[in-house]
Amino acid sequence: GQDGGTRGGGQLGEDTSFRWQCVEQPIGKLLFRRFLEGAPGLAAAGALWAELEAYERCEDGERAGAAAALRGRFFTPGGAEHCGFLRAAAAAPPTGEAPPTDFGQVRQELLAHLE
């Protein structure tokens, strides 16, 4: 409600967290993405975030190609949009039992980097 910013008589707590303001709230997410687009050092991270979300919405039959394009665009060292903040293990092509289209670790590291 309209209680001056507190909830349950306590502190703002989670309401001021990065995740709440920039990931969960649509307007906060939009504004943060626009900020990332205009920040030269963060533009690639912002583009990766947008592409990960687009990937999550694509049809199952399109996922393998989309995953390969995403890996080529953001995980290739020396590329214009290479996201060097990702650990090699997160950016490495999956082997063994891991599905080649699982980007959960990449998303976690991306959000940790932006936070």
PDB file of N, CA and C in Angstrom:
ATOM      1  N   GLY A   1       0.764  -1.193   0.000  1.00  0.00           N
ATOM      2  CA  GLY A   1       0.000   0.000   0.000  1.00  0.00           C
ATOM      3  C   GLY A   1       0.801   1.252   0.000  1.00  0.00           C
ATOM      4  N   GLN A   2       0.089   2.286   0.343  1.00  0.00           N
ATOM      5  CA  GLN A   2       0.656   3.630   0.371  1.00  0.00           C
ATOM      6  C   GLN A   2       1.156   3.933   1.780  1.00  0.00           C
ATOM      7  N   ASP A   3       2.173   3.248   2.227  1.00  0.00           N
ATOM      8  CA  ASP A   3       2.635   3.405   3.602  1.00  0.00           C
ATOM      9  C   ASP A   3       4.015   4.035   3.701  1.00  0.00           C
ATOM     10  N   GLY A   4       4.362   4.883   2.746  1.00  0.00           N
ATOM     11  CA  GLY A   4       5.634   5.587   2.828  1.00  0.00           C
ATOM     12  C   GLY A   4       6.837   4.741   2.488  1.00  0.00           C
ATOM     13  N   GLY A   5       6.660   3.605   1.853  1.00  0.00           N
ATOM     14  CA  GLY A   5       7.796   2.817   1.410  1.00  0.00           C
ATOM     15  C   GLY A   5       8.157   1.656   2.301  1.00  0.00           C
ATOM     16  N   THR A   6       7.519   1.529   3.453  1.00  0.00           N
ATOM     17  CA  THR A   6       7.825   0.374   4.292  1.00  0.00           C
ATOM     18  C   THR A   6       6.769  -0.683   4.087  1.00  0.00           C
ATOM     19  N   ARG A   7       7.112  -1.878   4.434  1.00  0.00           N
ATOM     20  CA  ARG A   7       6.180  -2.984   4.277  1.00  0.00           C
ATOM     21  C   ARG A   7       6.178  -3.755   5.592  1.00  0.00           C
ATOM     22  N   GLY A   8       5.015  -3.866   6.172  1.00  0.00           N
ATOM     23  CA  GLY A   8       4.911  -4.600   7.426  1.00  0.00           C
ATOM     24  C   GLY A   8       5.642  -3.917   8.563  1.00  0.00           C
ATOM     25  N   GLY A   9       5.853  -2.610   8.468  1.00  0.00           N
ATOM     26  CA  GLY A   9       6.523  -1.872   9.517  1.00  0.00           C
ATOM     27  C   GLY A   9       8.029  -2.054   9.514  1.00  0.00           C
ATOM     28  N   GLY A  10       8.571  -2.798   8.550  1.00  0.00           N
ATOM     29  CA  GLY A  10      10.003  -3.052   8.532  1.00  0.00           C
ATOM     30  C   GLY A  10      10.750  -2.172   7.551  1.00  0.00           C
ATOM     31  N   GLN A  11      11.958  -2.559   7.265  1.00  0.00           N
ATOM     32  CA  GLN A  11      12.798  -1.836   6.317  1.00  0.00           C
ATOM     33  C   GLN A  11      12.375  -2.141   4.890  1.00  0.00           C
ATOM     34  N   LEU A  12      12.907  -1.381   3.942  1.00  0.00           N
ATOM     35  CA  LEU A  12      12.608  -1.630   2.539  1.00  0.00           C
ATOM     36  C   LEU A  12      13.155  -2.980   2.102  1.00  0.00           C
ATOM     37  N   GLY A  13      14.307  -3.368   2.623  1.00  0.00           N
ATOM     38  CA  GLY A  13      14.870  -4.686   2.358  1.00  0.00           C
ATOM     39  C   GLY A  13      14.939  -5.028   0.887  1.00  0.00           C
ATOM     40  N   GLU A  14      14.234  -6.063   0.506  1.00  0.00           N
ATOM     41  CA  GLU A  14      14.306  -6.591  -0.845  1.00  0.00           C
ATOM     42  C   GLU A  14      13.799  -5.604  -1.897  1.00  0.00           C
ATOM     43  N   ASP A  15      12.944  -4.687  -1.517  1.00  0.00           N
ATOM     44  CA  ASP A  15      12.408  -3.729  -2.477  1.00  0.00           C
ATOM     45  C   ASP A  15      13.492  -2.847  -3.090  1.00  0.00           C
ATOM     46  N   THR A  16      14.648  -2.747  -2.467  1.00  0.00           N
ATOM     47  CA  THR A  16      15.725  -1.931  -3.009  1.00  0.00           C
ATOM     48  C   THR A  16      16.824  -2.787  -3.643  1.00  0.00           C
ATOM     49  N   SER A  17      16.611  -4.069  -3.733  1.00  0.00           N
ATOM     50  CA  SER A  17      17.638  -4.948  -4.294  1.00  0.00           C
ATOM     51  C   SER A  17      17.725  -4.796  -5.802  1.00  0.00           C
ATOM     52  N   PHE A  18      18.877  -5.113  -6.347  1.00  0.00           N
ATOM     53  CA  PHE A  18      19.085  -5.100  -7.792  1.00  0.00           C
ATOM     54  C   PHE A  18      18.079  -6.011  -8.478  1.00  0.00           C
ATOM     55  N   ARG A  19      17.931  -7.219  -7.971  1.00  0.00           N
ATOM     56  CA  ARG A  19      17.049  -8.191  -8.612  1.00  0.00           C
ATOM     57  C   ARG A  19      15.618  -7.665  -8.673  1.00  0.00           C
ATOM     58  N   TRP A  20      15.133  -7.081  -7.602  1.00  0.00           N
ATOM     59  CA  TRP A  20      13.761  -6.584  -7.592  1.00  0.00           C
ATOM     60  C   TRP A  20      13.599  -5.389  -8.540  1.00  0.00           C
ATOM     61  N   GLN A  21      14.516  -4.433  -8.462  1.00  0.00           N
ATOM     62  CA  GLN A  21      14.385  -3.210  -9.251  1.00  0.00           C
ATOM     63  C   GLN A  21      14.687  -3.404 -10.727  1.00  0.00           C
ATOM     64  N   CYS A  22      15.690  -4.186 -11.059  1.00  0.00           N
ATOM     65  CA  CYS A  22      16.185  -4.250 -12.438  1.00  0.00           C
ATOM     66  C   CYS A  22      15.872  -5.556 -13.165  1.00  0.00           C
ATOM     67  N   VAL A  23      15.365  -6.552 -12.476  1.00  0.00           N
ATOM     68  CA  VAL A  23      15.055  -7.833 -13.115  1.00  0.00           C
ATOM     69  C   VAL A  23      13.560  -8.124 -13.031  1.00  0.00           C
ATOM     70  N   GLU A  24      12.970  -7.950 -11.855  1.00  0.00           N
ATOM     71  CA  GLU A  24      11.576  -8.335 -11.655  1.00  0.00           C
ATOM     72  C   GLU A  24      10.576  -7.241 -12.018  1.00  0.00           C
ATOM     73  N   GLN A  25      10.935  -5.985 -11.870  1.00  0.00           N
ATOM     74  CA  GLN A  25      10.012  -4.888 -12.166  1.00  0.00           C
ATOM     75  C   GLN A  25      10.133  -4.478 -13.630  1.00  0.00           C
ATOM     76  N   PRO A  26       9.061  -4.570 -14.407  1.00  0.00           N
ATOM     77  CA  PRO A  26       9.150  -4.286 -15.846  1.00  0.00           C
ATOM     78  C   PRO A  26       9.715  -2.909 -16.183  1.00  0.00           C
ATOM     79  N   ILE A  27       9.288  -1.865 -15.509  1.00  0.00           N
ATOM     80  CA  ILE A  27       9.789  -0.524 -15.847  1.00  0.00           C
ATOM     81  C   ILE A  27      11.248  -0.372 -15.426  1.00  0.00           C
ATOM     82  N   GLY A  28      11.594  -0.933 -14.286  1.00  0.00           N
ATOM     83  CA  GLY A  28      12.988  -0.887 -13.844  1.00  0.00           C
ATOM     84  C   GLY A  28      13.895  -1.654 -14.795  1.00  0.00           C
ATOM     85  N   LYS A  29      13.411  -2.789 -15.265  1.00  0.00           N
ATOM     86  CA  LYS A  29      14.163  -3.607 -16.214  1.00  0.00           C
ATOM     87  C   LYS A  29      14.367  -2.854 -17.520  1.00  0.00           C
ATOM     88  N   LEU A  30      13.306  -2.214 -18.017  1.00  0.00           N
ATOM     89  CA  LEU A  30      13.399  -1.445 -19.260  1.00  0.00           C
ATOM     90  C   LEU A  30      14.395  -0.293 -19.126  1.00  0.00           C
ATOM     91  N   LEU A  31      14.295   0.456 -18.041  1.00  0.00           N
ATOM     92  CA  LEU A  31      15.210   1.579 -17.836  1.00  0.00           C
ATOM     93  C   LEU A  31      16.658   1.106 -17.677  1.00  0.00           C
ATOM     94  N   PHE A  32      16.856   0.009 -16.953  1.00  0.00           N
ATOM     95  CA  PHE A  32      18.209  -0.516 -16.767  1.00  0.00           C
ATOM     96  C   PHE A  32      18.778  -1.000 -18.096  1.00  0.00           C
ATOM     97  N   ARG A  33      17.958  -1.653 -18.914  1.00  0.00           N
ATOM     98  CA  ARG A  33      18.420  -2.107 -20.231  1.00  0.00           C
ATOM     99  C   ARG A  33      18.836  -0.919 -21.097  1.00  0.00           C
ATOM    100  N   ARG A  34      18.061   0.141 -21.054  1.00  0.00           N
ATOM    101  CA  ARG A  34      18.429   1.344 -21.821  1.00  0.00           C
ATOM    102  C   ARG A  34      19.742   1.921 -21.335  1.00  0.00           C
ATOM    103  N   PHE A  35      19.956   1.918 -20.023  1.00  0.00           N
ATOM    104  CA  PHE A  35      21.222   2.365 -19.466  1.00  0.00           C
ATOM    105  C   PHE A  35      22.370   1.499 -19.990  1.00  0.00           C
ATOM    106  N   LEU A  36      22.179   0.173 -19.985  1.00  0.00           N
ATOM    107  CA  LEU A  36      23.223  -0.737 -20.452  1.00  0.00           C
ATOM    108  C   LEU A  36      23.566  -0.487 -21.922  1.00  0.00           C
ATOM    109  N   GLU A  37      22.545  -0.236 -22.742  1.00  0.00           N
ATOM    110  CA  GLU A  37      22.773   0.019 -24.173  1.00  0.00           C
ATOM    111  C   GLU A  37      23.664   1.235 -24.385  1.00  0.00           C
ATOM    112  N   GLY A  38      23.551   2.229 -23.523  1.00  0.00           N
ATOM    113  CA  GLY A  38      24.319   3.458 -23.684  1.00  0.00           C
ATOM    114  C   GLY A  38      25.663   3.453 -22.977  1.00  0.00           C
ATOM    115  N   ALA A  39      25.967   2.406 -22.247  1.00  0.00           N
ATOM    116  CA  ALA A  39      27.231   2.326 -21.513  1.00  0.00           C
ATOM    117  C   ALA A  39      28.184   1.408 -22.281  1.00  0.00           C
ATOM    118  N   PRO A  40      29.238   1.968 -22.896  1.00  0.00           N
ATOM    119  CA  PRO A  40      30.129   1.150 -23.740  1.00  0.00           C
ATOM    120  C   PRO A  40      30.647  -0.119 -23.066  1.00  0.00           C
ATOM    121  N   GLY A  41      30.991  -0.068 -21.812  1.00  0.00           N
ATOM    122  CA  GLY A  41      31.514  -1.244 -21.134  1.00  0.00           C
ATOM    123  C   GLY A  41      30.466  -2.274 -20.763  1.00  0.00           C
ATOM    124  N   LEU A  42      29.195  -1.908 -20.859  1.00  0.00           N
ATOM    125  CA  LEU A  42      28.124  -2.806 -20.440  1.00  0.00           C
ATOM    126  C   LEU A  42      27.174  -3.186 -21.569  1.00  0.00           C
ATOM    127  N   ALA A  43      27.350  -2.613 -22.743  1.00  0.00           N
ATOM    128  CA  ALA A  43      26.428  -2.847 -23.859  1.00  0.00           C
ATOM    129  C   ALA A  43      26.366  -4.329 -24.245  1.00  0.00           C
ATOM    130  N   ALA A  44      27.497  -5.009 -24.270  1.00  0.00           N
ATOM    131  CA  ALA A  44      27.505  -6.424 -24.642  1.00  0.00           C
ATOM    132  C   ALA A  44      26.750  -7.255 -23.606  1.00  0.00           C
ATOM    133  N   ALA A  45      26.922  -6.930 -22.328  1.00  0.00           N
ATOM    134  CA  ALA A  45      26.198  -7.643 -21.275  1.00  0.00           C
ATOM    135  C   ALA A  45      24.695  -7.419 -21.417  1.00  0.00           C
ATOM    136  N   GLY A  46      24.291  -6.195 -21.738  1.00  0.00           N
ATOM    137  CA  GLY A  46      22.883  -5.897 -21.946  1.00  0.00           C
ATOM    138  C   GLY A  46      22.325  -6.646 -23.140  1.00  0.00           C
ATOM    139  N   ALA A  47      23.107  -6.724 -24.209  1.00  0.00           N
ATOM    140  CA  ALA A  47      22.675  -7.453 -25.406  1.00  0.00           C
ATOM    141  C   ALA A  47      22.570  -8.952 -25.108  1.00  0.00           C
ATOM    142  N   LEU A  48      23.512  -9.487 -24.337  1.00  0.00           N
ATOM    143  CA  LEU A  48      23.450 -10.901 -23.957  1.00  0.00           C
ATOM    144  C   LEU A  48      22.183 -11.173 -23.159  1.00  0.00           C
ATOM    145  N   TRP A  49      21.857 -10.309 -22.224  1.00  0.00           N
ATOM    146  CA  TRP A  49      20.659 -10.472 -21.411  1.00  0.00           C
ATOM    147  C   TRP A  49      19.413 -10.503 -22.297  1.00  0.00           C
ATOM    148  N   ALA A  50      19.330  -9.564 -23.228  1.00  0.00           N
ATOM    149  CA  ALA A  50      18.180  -9.511 -24.135  1.00  0.00           C
ATOM    150  C   ALA A  50      18.098 -10.776 -24.994  1.00  0.00           C
ATOM    151  N   GLU A  51      19.242 -11.246 -25.484  1.00  0.00           N
ATOM    152  CA  GLU A  51      19.248 -12.445 -26.327  1.00  0.00           C
ATOM    153  C   GLU A  51      18.922 -13.705 -25.533  1.00  0.00           C
ATOM    154  N   LEU A  52      19.351 -13.772 -24.277  1.00  0.00           N
ATOM    155  CA  LEU A  52      18.994 -14.925 -23.440  1.00  0.00           C
ATOM    156  C   LEU A  52      17.482 -14.991 -23.243  1.00  0.00           C
ATOM    157  N   GLU A  53      16.868 -13.846 -23.031  1.00  0.00           N
ATOM    158  CA  GLU A  53      15.417 -13.837 -22.852  1.00  0.00           C
ATOM    159  C   GLU A  53      14.696 -14.167 -24.157  1.00  0.00           C
ATOM    160  N   ALA A  54      15.202 -13.682 -25.275  1.00  0.00           N
ATOM    161  CA  ALA A  54      14.608 -14.017 -26.571  1.00  0.00           C
ATOM    162  C   ALA A  54      14.751 -15.518 -26.828  1.00  0.00           C
ATOM    163  N   TYR A  55      15.899 -16.057 -26.466  1.00  0.00           N
ATOM    164  CA  TYR A  55      16.151 -17.491 -26.623  1.00  0.00           C
ATOM    165  C   TYR A  55      15.143 -18.309 -25.816  1.00  0.00           C
ATOM    166  N   GLU A  56      14.866 -17.868 -24.584  1.00  0.00           N
ATOM    167  CA  GLU A  56      13.930 -18.592 -23.721  1.00  0.00           C
ATOM    168  C   GLU A  56      12.514 -18.607 -24.297  1.00  0.00           C
ATOM    169  N   ARG A  57      12.195 -17.637 -25.142  1.00  0.00           N
ATOM    170  CA  ARG A  57      10.853 -17.566 -25.732  1.00  0.00           C
ATOM    171  C   ARG A  57      10.747 -18.272 -27.087  1.00  0.00           C
ATOM    172  N   CYS A  58      11.865 -18.707 -27.662  1.00  0.00           N
ATOM    173  CA  CYS A  58      11.803 -19.292 -29.002  1.00  0.00           C
ATOM    174  C   CYS A  58      11.279 -20.734 -28.948  1.00  0.00           C
ATOM    175  N   GLU A  59      10.801 -21.197 -30.074  1.00  0.00           N
ATOM    176  CA  GLU A  59      10.252 -22.549 -30.194  1.00  0.00           C
ATOM    177  C   GLU A  59      11.356 -23.591 -30.012  1.00  0.00           C
ATOM    178  N   ASP A  60      10.984 -24.771 -29.552  1.00  0.00           N
ATOM    179  CA  ASP A  60      11.959 -25.843 -29.308  1.00  0.00           C
ATOM    180  C   ASP A  60      12.781 -26.166 -30.556  1.00  0.00           C
ATOM    181  N   GLY A  61      12.145 -26.167 -31.713  1.00  0.00           N
ATOM    182  CA  GLY A  61      12.844 -26.493 -32.951  1.00  0.00           C
ATOM    183  C   GLY A  61      13.873 -25.461 -33.365  1.00  0.00           C
ATOM    184  N   GLU A  62      13.769 -24.256 -32.824  1.00  0.00           N
ATOM    185  CA  GLU A  62      14.702 -23.175 -33.161  1.00  0.00           C
ATOM    186  C   GLU A  62      15.840 -23.053 -32.151  1.00  0.00           C
ATOM    187  N   ARG A  63      15.740 -23.774 -31.051  1.00  0.00           N
ATOM    188  CA  ARG A  63      16.694 -23.575 -29.949  1.00  0.00           C
ATOM    189  C   ARG A  63      18.137 -23.919 -30.286  1.00  0.00           C
ATOM    190  N   ALA A  64      18.372 -25.003 -31.012  1.00  0.00           N
ATOM    191  CA  ALA A  64      19.757 -25.397 -31.310  1.00  0.00           C
ATOM    192  C   ALA A  64      20.457 -24.314 -32.128  1.00  0.00           C
ATOM    193  N   GLY A  65      19.805 -23.816 -33.157  1.00  0.00           N
ATOM    194  CA  GLY A  65      20.389 -22.756 -33.970  1.00  0.00           C
ATOM    195  C   GLY A  65      20.561 -21.464 -33.199  1.00  0.00           C
ATOM    196  N   ALA A  66      19.563 -21.129 -32.381  1.00  0.00           N
ATOM    197  CA  ALA A  66      19.648 -19.911 -31.573  1.00  0.00           C
ATOM    198  C   ALA A  66      20.771 -20.015 -30.542  1.00  0.00           C
ATOM    199  N   ALA A  67      20.932 -21.203 -29.962  1.00  0.00           N
ATOM    200  CA  ALA A  67      21.997 -21.411 -28.984  1.00  0.00           C
ATOM    201  C   ALA A  67      23.369 -21.248 -29.639  1.00  0.00           C
ATOM    202  N   ALA A  68      23.537 -21.804 -30.828  1.00  0.00           N
ATOM    203  CA  ALA A  68      24.813 -21.686 -31.543  1.00  0.00           C
ATOM    204  C   ALA A  68      25.100 -20.231 -31.890  1.00  0.00           C
ATOM    205  N   ALA A  69      24.079 -19.501 -32.327  1.00  0.00           N
ATOM    206  CA  ALA A  69      24.267 -18.086 -32.664  1.00  0.00           C
ATOM    207  C   ALA A  69      24.633 -17.280 -31.421  1.00  0.00           C
ATOM    208  N   LEU A  70      23.981 -17.575 -30.311  1.00  0.00           N
ATOM    209  CA  LEU A  70      24.253 -16.879 -29.060  1.00  0.00           C
ATOM    210  C   LEU A  70      25.691 -17.143 -28.610  1.00  0.00           C
ATOM    211  N   ARG A  71      26.095 -18.410 -28.673  1.00  0.00           N
ATOM    212  CA  ARG A  71      27.471 -18.745 -28.276  1.00  0.00           C
ATOM    213  C   ARG A  71      28.493 -18.054 -29.177  1.00  0.00           C
ATOM    214  N   GLY A  72      28.240 -18.044 -30.480  1.00  0.00           N
ATOM    215  CA  GLY A  72      29.169 -17.407 -31.406  1.00  0.00           C
ATOM    216  C   GLY A  72      29.269 -15.909 -31.197  1.00  0.00           C
ATOM    217  N   ARG A  73      28.157 -15.287 -30.883  1.00  0.00           N
ATOM    218  CA  ARG A  73      28.130 -13.829 -30.737  1.00  0.00           C
ATOM    219  C   ARG A  73      28.759 -13.347 -29.439  1.00  0.00           C
ATOM    220  N   PHE A  74      28.503 -14.022 -28.328  1.00  0.00           N
ATOM    221  CA  PHE A  74      28.912 -13.512 -27.024  1.00  0.00           C
ATOM    222  C   PHE A  74      30.049 -14.275 -26.350  1.00  0.00           C
ATOM    223  N   PHE A  75      30.330 -15.502 -26.784  1.00  0.00           N
ATOM    224  CA  PHE A  75      31.317 -16.322 -26.088  1.00  0.00           C
ATOM    225  C   PHE A  75      32.627 -16.436 -26.852  1.00  0.00           C
ATOM    226  N   THR A  76      32.738 -15.843 -28.030  1.00  0.00           N
ATOM    227  CA  THR A  76      33.938 -15.955 -28.848  1.00  0.00           C
ATOM    228  C   THR A  76      34.952 -14.892 -28.441  1.00  0.00           C
ATOM    229  N   PRO A  77      36.100 -15.307 -27.889  1.00  0.00           N
ATOM    230  CA  PRO A  77      37.122 -14.325 -27.497  1.00  0.00           C
ATOM    231  C   PRO A  77      37.547 -13.466 -28.689  1.00  0.00           C
ATOM    232  N   GLY A  78      37.666 -12.177 -28.439  1.00  0.00           N
ATOM    233  CA  GLY A  78      38.077 -11.251 -29.486  1.00  0.00           C
ATOM    234  C   GLY A  78      36.921 -10.685 -30.292  1.00  0.00           C
ATOM    235  N   GLY A  79      35.734 -11.236 -30.120  1.00  0.00           N
ATOM    236  CA  GLY A  79      34.567 -10.736 -30.833  1.00  0.00           C
ATOM    237  C   GLY A  79      34.120  -9.391 -30.278  1.00  0.00           C
ATOM    238  N   ALA A  80      33.400  -8.640 -31.085  1.00  0.00           N
ATOM    239  CA  ALA A  80      32.963  -7.304 -30.683  1.00  0.00           C
ATOM    240  C   ALA A  80      32.050  -7.336 -29.458  1.00  0.00           C
ATOM    241  N   GLU A  81      31.298  -8.417 -29.287  1.00  0.00           N
ATOM    242  CA  GLU A  81      30.377  -8.505 -28.152  1.00  0.00           C
ATOM    243  C   GLU A  81      30.753  -9.633 -27.193  1.00  0.00           C
ATOM    244  N   HIS A  82      32.042  -9.988 -27.180  1.00  0.00           N
ATOM    245  CA  HIS A  82      32.506 -11.037 -26.274  1.00  0.00           C
ATOM    246  C   HIS A  82      32.281 -10.602 -24.823  1.00  0.00           C
ATOM    247  N   CYS A  83      31.687 -11.469 -24.029  1.00  0.00           N
ATOM    248  CA  CYS A  83      31.423 -11.194 -22.618  1.00  0.00           C
ATOM    249  C   CYS A  83      32.494 -11.877 -21.780  1.00  0.00           C
ATOM    250  N   GLY A  84      33.623 -11.227 -21.660  1.00  0.00           N
ATOM    251  CA  GLY A  84      34.778 -11.781 -20.969  1.00  0.00           C
ATOM    252  C   GLY A  84      34.598 -11.978 -19.479  1.00  0.00           C
ATOM    253  N   PHE A  85      33.540 -11.415 -18.901  1.00  0.00           N
ATOM    254  CA  PHE A  85      33.296 -11.583 -17.467  1.00  0.00           C
ATOM    255  C   PHE A  85      32.778 -12.979 -17.137  1.00  0.00           C
ATOM    256  N   LEU A  86      32.302 -13.716 -18.151  1.00  0.00           N
ATOM    257  CA  LEU A  86      31.817 -15.072 -17.910  1.00  0.00           C
ATOM    258  C   LEU A  86      32.986 -16.017 -17.670  1.00  0.00           C
ATOM    259  N   ARG A  87      32.832 -16.899 -16.700  1.00  0.00           N
ATOM    260  CA  ARG A  87      33.869 -17.901 -16.461  1.00  0.00           C
ATOM    261  C   ARG A  87      33.922 -18.837 -17.660  1.00  0.00           C
ATOM    262  N   ALA A  88      35.077 -19.375 -17.924  1.00  0.00           N
ATOM    263  CA  ALA A  88      35.251 -20.273 -19.066  1.00  0.00           C
ATOM    264  C   ALA A  88      34.296 -21.457 -18.993  1.00  0.00           C
ATOM    265  N   ALA A  89      34.040 -21.952 -17.784  1.00  0.00           N
ATOM    266  CA  ALA A  89      33.143 -23.102 -17.625  1.00  0.00           C
ATOM    267  C   ALA A  89      31.716 -22.764 -18.063  1.00  0.00           C
ATOM    268  N   ALA A  90      31.284 -21.534 -17.817  1.00  0.00           N
ATOM    269  CA  ALA A  90      29.925 -21.141 -18.205  1.00  0.00           C
ATOM    270  C   ALA A  90      29.820 -20.948 -19.719  1.00  0.00           C
ATOM    271  N   ALA A  91      30.879 -20.421 -20.320  1.00  0.00           N
ATOM    272  CA  ALA A  91      30.860 -20.106 -21.748  1.00  0.00           C
ATOM    273  C   ALA A  91      31.268 -21.279 -22.633  1.00  0.00           C
ATOM    274  N   ALA A  92      31.828 -22.312 -22.037  1.00  0.00           N
ATOM    275  CA  ALA A  92      32.299 -23.459 -22.829  1.00  0.00           C
ATOM    276  C   ALA A  92      31.128 -24.223 -23.433  1.00  0.00           C
ATOM    277  N   PRO A  93      31.325 -24.769 -24.617  1.00  0.00           N
ATOM    278  CA  PRO A  93      30.271 -25.605 -25.201  1.00  0.00           C
ATOM    279  C   PRO A  93      29.990 -26.793 -24.275  1.00  0.00           C
ATOM    280  N   PRO A  94      28.739 -27.149 -24.100  1.00  0.00           N
ATOM    281  CA  PRO A  94      28.418 -28.249 -23.184  1.00  0.00           C
ATOM    282  C   PRO A  94      28.943 -29.583 -23.704  1.00  0.00           C
ATOM    283  N   THR A  95      29.288 -30.437 -22.775  1.00  0.00           N
ATOM    284  CA  THR A  95      29.753 -31.784 -23.127  1.00  0.00           C
ATOM    285  C   THR A  95      28.973 -32.799 -22.311  1.00  0.00           C
ATOM    286  N   GLY A  96      28.977 -34.010 -22.744  1.00  0.00           N
ATOM    287  CA  GLY A  96      28.330 -35.084 -21.985  1.00  0.00           C
ATOM    288  C   GLY A  96      26.831 -34.946 -21.921  1.00  0.00           C
ATOM    289  N   GLU A  97      26.302 -35.000 -20.705  1.00  0.00           N
ATOM    290  CA  GLU A  97      24.857 -35.037 -20.489  1.00  0.00           C
ATOM    291  C   GLU A  97      24.190 -33.669 -20.548  1.00  0.00           C
ATOM    292  N   ALA A  98      24.947 -32.585 -20.427  1.00  0.00           N
ATOM    293  CA  ALA A  98      24.336 -31.248 -20.399  1.00  0.00           C
ATOM    294  C   ALA A  98      23.716 -30.919 -21.750  1.00  0.00           C
ATOM    295  N   PRO A  99      22.496 -30.415 -21.747  1.00  0.00           N
ATOM    296  CA  PRO A  99      21.892 -30.033 -23.026  1.00  0.00           C
ATOM    297  C   PRO A  99      22.627 -28.828 -23.610  1.00  0.00           C
ATOM    298  N   PRO A 100      22.825 -28.791 -24.925  1.00  0.00           N
ATOM    299  CA  PRO A 100      23.576 -27.694 -25.537  1.00  0.00           C
ATOM    300  C   PRO A 100      22.818 -26.371 -25.495  1.00  0.00           C
ATOM    301  N   THR A 101      21.608 -26.411 -24.991  1.00  0.00           N
ATOM    302  CA  THR A 101      20.788 -25.209 -24.986  1.00  0.00           C
ATOM    303  C   THR A 101      20.505 -24.697 -23.579  1.00  0.00           C
ATOM    304  N   ASP A 102      21.279 -25.127 -22.590  1.00  0.00           N
ATOM    305  CA  ASP A 102      21.068 -24.701 -21.206  1.00  0.00           C
ATOM    306  C   ASP A 102      22.001 -23.539 -20.884  1.00  0.00           C
ATOM    307  N   PHE A 103      21.419 -22.371 -20.620  1.00  0.00           N
ATOM    308  CA  PHE A 103      22.216 -21.177 -20.324  1.00  0.00           C
ATOM    309  C   PHE A 103      21.980 -20.680 -18.902  1.00  0.00           C
ATOM    310  N   GLY A 104      21.571 -21.572 -17.994  1.00  0.00           N
ATOM    311  CA  GLY A 104      21.294 -21.180 -16.620  1.00  0.00           C
ATOM    312  C   GLY A 104      22.492 -20.572 -15.919  1.00  0.00           C
ATOM    313  N   GLN A 105      23.663 -21.188 -16.058  1.00  0.00           N
ATOM    314  CA  GLN A 105      24.869 -20.675 -15.411  1.00  0.00           C
ATOM    315  C   GLN A 105      25.273 -19.332 -16.020  1.00  0.00           C
ATOM    316  N   VAL A 106      25.118 -19.200 -17.324  1.00  0.00           N
ATOM    317  CA  VAL A 106      25.449 -17.935 -17.997  1.00  0.00           C
ATOM    318  C   VAL A 106      24.567 -16.824 -17.443  1.00  0.00           C
ATOM    319  N   ARG A 107      23.276 -17.089 -17.313  1.00  0.00           N
ATOM    320  CA  ARG A 107      22.343 -16.077 -16.798  1.00  0.00           C
ATOM    321  C   ARG A 107      22.712 -15.682 -15.375  1.00  0.00           C
ATOM    322  N   GLN A 108      23.048 -16.654 -14.534  1.00  0.00           N
ATOM    323  CA  GLN A 108      23.435 -16.356 -13.152  1.00  0.00           C
ATOM    324  C   GLN A 108      24.671 -15.462 -13.114  1.00  0.00           C
ATOM    325  N   GLU A 109      25.677 -15.797 -13.910  1.00  0.00           N
ATOM    326  CA  GLU A 109      26.914 -15.013 -13.911  1.00  0.00           C
ATOM    327  C   GLU A 109      26.687 -13.623 -14.507  1.00  0.00           C
ATOM    328  N   LEU A 110      25.831 -13.540 -15.515  1.00  0.00           N
ATOM    329  CA  LEU A 110      25.510 -12.254 -16.120  1.00  0.00           C
ATOM    330  C   LEU A 110      24.865 -11.324 -15.079  1.00  0.00           C
ATOM    331  N   LEU A 111      23.845 -11.806 -14.385  1.00  0.00           N
ATOM    332  CA  LEU A 111      23.175 -10.975 -13.399  1.00  0.00           C
ATOM    333  C   LEU A 111      24.100 -10.613 -12.245  1.00  0.00           C
ATOM    334  N   ALA A 112      24.959 -11.540 -11.838  1.00  0.00           N
ATOM    335  CA  ALA A 112      25.929 -11.236 -10.779  1.00  0.00           C
ATOM    336  C   ALA A 112      26.891 -10.139 -11.244  1.00  0.00           C
ATOM    337  N   HIS A 113      27.300 -10.189 -12.498  1.00  0.00           N
ATOM    338  CA  HIS A 113      28.192  -9.168 -13.063  1.00  0.00           C
ATOM    339  C   HIS A 113      27.527  -7.797 -13.086  1.00  0.00           C
ATOM    340  N   LEU A 114      26.269  -7.756 -13.467  1.00  0.00           N
ATOM    341  CA  LEU A 114      25.551  -6.483 -13.570  1.00  0.00           C
ATOM    342  C   LEU A 114      25.185  -5.902 -12.213  1.00  0.00           C
ATOM    343  N   GLU A 115      25.000  -6.763 -11.245  1.00  0.00           N
ATOM    344  CA  GLU A 115      24.627  -6.316  -9.907  1.00  0.00           C
ATOM    345  C   GLU A 115      25.770  -5.555  -9.296  1.00  0.00           C
TER     346      GLU A 115
END
